[in-house]
């Protein structure tokens, strides 16, 4: 599964909860977390793993943070090969978390069986913030952080994306993307 979305959408938190649910159901889960690299130093904080403290201690989970090193598209140059290595190593679920992305960083969509676009409910003009390119590639749009005061905005953005998805050309004859 590929997971993408804007910075702050809750990708790491979602993966932590989803990954724990999967390992409790006896799955072996691998997480390939991609972090942006500094254009000045080339370094990366690789902070996504620190936000997955429970999952990182789980014996049925493997978390590998990797810097982009300037690669565009939201992933690294070797993400596809890393997916294959994880599958070969016996991990039956591989989750690829892209860097916080915008409109055109969706290279992961061609590497995974399902591409999930994770969105926060109150980020301003949502349909302007995430545009056609990445939406067209999504197999599933998940509105995250939909609790408390954000329930109403989450339902509104869900309705907006359901409407927007009807205007897009279908990528598959058998699957209709869900919101």
Protein backbone atom coordinates (compact mmCIF):
# COMPACT_ATOMS: atom_id res chain seq x y z
CA UNK A 1 0.00 0.00 0.00
CA UNK A 2 1.25 3.46 -0.83
CA UNK A 3 0.21 6.30 1.46
CA UNK A 4 0.59 9.91 0.49
CA UNK A 5 -0.79 13.28 1.42
CA UNK A 6 0.18 16.78 2.42
CA UNK A 7 2.47 17.45 5.39
CA UNK A 8 0.51 17.14 8.63
CA UNK A 9 -2.18 14.84 7.24
CA UNK A 10 -1.26 12.20 9.85
CA UNK A 11 0.40 9.62 7.61
CA UNK A 12 2.79 8.32 10.28
CA UNK A 13 0.10 8.21 12.96
CA UNK A 14 -2.23 6.37 10.59
CA UNK A 15 0.50 3.85 9.73
CA UNK A 16 1.27 3.31 13.44
CA UNK A 17 -2.38 2.42 14.21
CA UNK A 18 -2.99 0.46 11.00
CA UNK A 19 0.31 -1.40 11.32
CA UNK A 20 -0.42 -2.41 14.93
CA UNK A 21 -3.85 -3.68 13.88
CA UNK A 22 -2.22 -5.77 11.14
CA UNK A 23 0.46 -7.26 13.40
CA UNK A 24 -2.20 -8.14 16.00
CA UNK A 25 -3.85 -10.11 13.19
CA UNK A 26 -0.57 -12.01 12.65
CA UNK A 27 0.63 -10.12 9.59
CA UNK A 28 4.28 -9.23 9.09
CA UNK A 29 4.38 -5.53 8.26
CA UNK A 30 7.15 -3.55 6.62
CA UNK A 31 7.05 0.25 6.55
CA UNK A 32 9.20 2.16 4.08
CA UNK A 33 9.03 5.77 5.26
CA UNK A 34 10.44 8.38 2.88
CA UNK A 35 11.66 11.68 4.32
CA UNK A 36 12.75 14.80 2.43
CA UNK A 37 16.45 15.57 2.21
CA UNK A 38 17.96 18.97 2.86
CA UNK A 39 18.95 20.77 -0.32
CA UNK A 40 21.78 22.37 1.65
CA UNK A 41 23.36 19.46 3.54
CA UNK A 42 21.78 16.48 1.77
CA UNK A 43 20.83 15.09 5.18
CA UNK A 44 17.44 14.03 6.45
CA UNK A 45 15.86 13.85 9.91
CA UNK A 46 14.29 10.42 9.25
CA UNK A 47 11.72 11.39 11.85
CA UNK A 48 8.82 9.20 10.71
CA UNK A 49 10.14 6.21 12.65
CA UNK A 50 10.15 8.25 15.87
CA UNK A 51 6.41 8.86 15.42
CA UNK A 52 5.78 5.10 15.25
CA UNK A 53 7.12 4.12 18.68
CA UNK A 54 4.75 1.21 19.34
CA UNK A 55 5.09 -0.26 15.87
CA UNK A 56 8.89 0.12 15.93
CA UNK A 57 9.02 -2.17 18.99
CA UNK A 58 6.76 -4.80 17.43
CA UNK A 59 8.66 -7.97 16.47
CA UNK A 60 6.37 -8.46 13.44
CA UNK A 61 7.12 -5.02 12.04
CA UNK A 62 10.08 -3.50 10.26
CA UNK A 63 10.39 0.25 9.71
CA UNK A 64 12.96 1.63 7.29
CA UNK A 65 13.22 5.41 6.98
CA UNK A 66 14.99 6.61 3.84
CA UNK A 67 15.91 10.08 2.57
CA UNK A 68 14.83 11.21 -0.90
CA UNK A 69 18.34 12.46 -1.71
CA UNK A 70 16.80 14.81 -4.26
CA UNK A 71 14.60 12.23 -5.99
CA UNK A 72 11.27 13.71 -7.04
CA UNK A 73 7.89 11.98 -6.93
CA UNK A 74 7.60 11.49 -3.16
CA UNK A 75 9.77 8.35 -2.98
CA UNK A 76 13.45 7.40 -3.24
CA UNK A 77 15.34 6.16 -6.27
CA UNK A 78 15.33 2.63 -4.79
CA UNK A 79 11.85 2.40 -3.24
CA UNK A 80 10.62 -0.15 -5.77
CA UNK A 81 13.59 -2.43 -5.08
CA UNK A 82 13.08 -2.02 -1.32
CA UNK A 83 9.47 -3.17 -1.71
CA UNK A 84 10.65 -6.32 -3.50
CA UNK A 85 13.25 -7.02 -0.80
CA UNK A 86 10.62 -6.69 1.94
CA UNK A 87 8.29 -9.07 0.11
CA UNK A 88 11.18 -11.50 -0.40
CA UNK A 89 11.97 -11.22 3.32
CA UNK A 90 8.54 -12.55 4.24
CA UNK A 91 6.64 -9.34 4.92
CA UNK A 92 3.10 -9.87 3.64
CA UNK A 93 2.12 -6.19 3.99
CA UNK A 94 4.40 -3.41 2.79
CA UNK A 95 3.37 0.17 3.56
CA UNK A 96 5.17 2.95 1.69
CA UNK A 97 4.84 6.38 3.27
CA UNK A 98 5.82 9.13 0.87
CA UNK A 99 7.16 12.52 1.82
CA UNK A 100 4.47 15.14 2.45
CA UNK A 101 3.34 15.81 -1.09
CA UNK A 102 1.27 18.20 -3.13
CA UNK A 103 -0.07 17.97 -6.64
CA UNK A 104 2.28 15.88 -8.73
CA UNK A 105 4.28 13.62 -6.42
CA UNK A 106 2.64 10.26 -7.01
CA UNK A 107 5.38 7.96 -8.29
CA UNK A 108 4.46 5.44 -5.57
CA UNK A 109 1.12 4.79 -7.31
CA UNK A 110 2.91 2.72 -9.96
CA UNK A 111 4.79 0.67 -7.34
CA UNK A 112 1.93 -0.55 -5.16
CA UNK A 113 -1.31 -2.51 -5.35
CA UNK A 114 -3.31 0.32 -3.76
CA UNK A 115 -2.55 4.02 -3.54
CA UNK A 116 -4.18 5.85 -0.62
CA UNK A 117 -4.34 9.63 -0.46
CA UNK A 118 -4.68 10.75 3.16
CA UNK A 119 -6.13 14.22 3.71
CA UNK A 120 -6.79 16.38 6.77
CA UNK A 121 -10.32 17.85 7.00
CA UNK A 122 -9.54 21.50 7.60
CA UNK A 123 -6.66 22.58 5.41
CA UNK A 124 -8.31 25.54 3.69
CA UNK A 125 -9.41 25.26 0.06
CA UNK A 126 -9.02 21.50 -0.12
CA UNK A 127 -9.76 21.02 -3.81
CA UNK A 128 -7.18 23.70 -4.65
CA UNK A 129 -4.57 22.33 -2.26
CA UNK A 130 -4.52 18.82 -3.71
CA UNK A 131 -5.13 18.94 -7.42
CA UNK A 132 -6.03 16.68 -10.24
CA UNK A 133 -2.68 14.90 -10.77
CA UNK A 134 -2.50 13.09 -7.45
CA UNK A 135 -6.28 12.67 -7.11
CA UNK A 136 -6.44 10.86 -10.45
CA UNK A 137 -3.94 8.31 -9.19
CA UNK A 138 -5.66 7.60 -5.84
CA UNK A 139 -7.48 4.29 -5.36
CA UNK A 140 -8.77 5.51 -2.00
CA UNK A 141 -9.05 8.97 -0.48
CA UNK A 142 -9.16 8.83 3.32
CA UNK A 143 -10.14 11.89 5.33
CA UNK A 144 -8.06 11.67 8.50
CA UNK A 145 -8.42 13.46 11.86
CA UNK A 146 -12.22 13.29 11.50
CA UNK A 147 -13.16 13.58 15.14
CA UNK A 148 -14.16 16.22 17.69
CA UNK A 149 -14.59 19.66 16.14
CA UNK A 150 -13.39 18.32 12.79
CA UNK A 151 -16.32 15.92 12.17
CA UNK A 152 -18.35 18.50 10.23
CA UNK A 153 -15.41 19.76 8.10
CA UNK A 154 -14.43 16.13 7.45
CA UNK A 155 -17.90 15.30 6.15
CA UNK A 156 -17.84 18.43 3.98
CA UNK A 157 -14.48 17.59 2.42
CA UNK A 158 -15.65 14.01 1.89
CA UNK A 159 -18.65 15.26 -0.07
CA UNK A 160 -16.41 17.62 -2.09
CA UNK A 161 -14.04 14.79 -3.02
CA UNK A 162 -16.87 12.37 -3.86
CA UNK A 163 -18.15 15.00 -6.31
CA UNK A 164 -14.69 15.76 -7.68
CA UNK A 165 -13.88 12.07 -8.21
CA UNK A 166 -16.92 11.71 -10.49
CA UNK A 167 -15.31 14.16 -12.92
CA UNK A 168 -12.12 12.16 -13.31
CA UNK A 169 -11.39 9.58 -15.96
CA UNK A 170 -11.46 6.04 -14.61
CA UNK A 171 -8.12 4.21 -14.40
CA UNK A 172 -9.74 0.80 -14.00
CA UNK A 173 -12.81 -0.93 -15.40
CA UNK A 174 -13.38 -2.84 -12.16
CA UNK A 175 -12.41 -0.44 -9.34
CA UNK A 176 -14.04 2.88 -8.64
CA UNK A 177 -11.99 4.99 -6.18
CA UNK A 178 -13.66 5.50 -2.79
CA UNK A 179 -13.64 8.49 -0.44
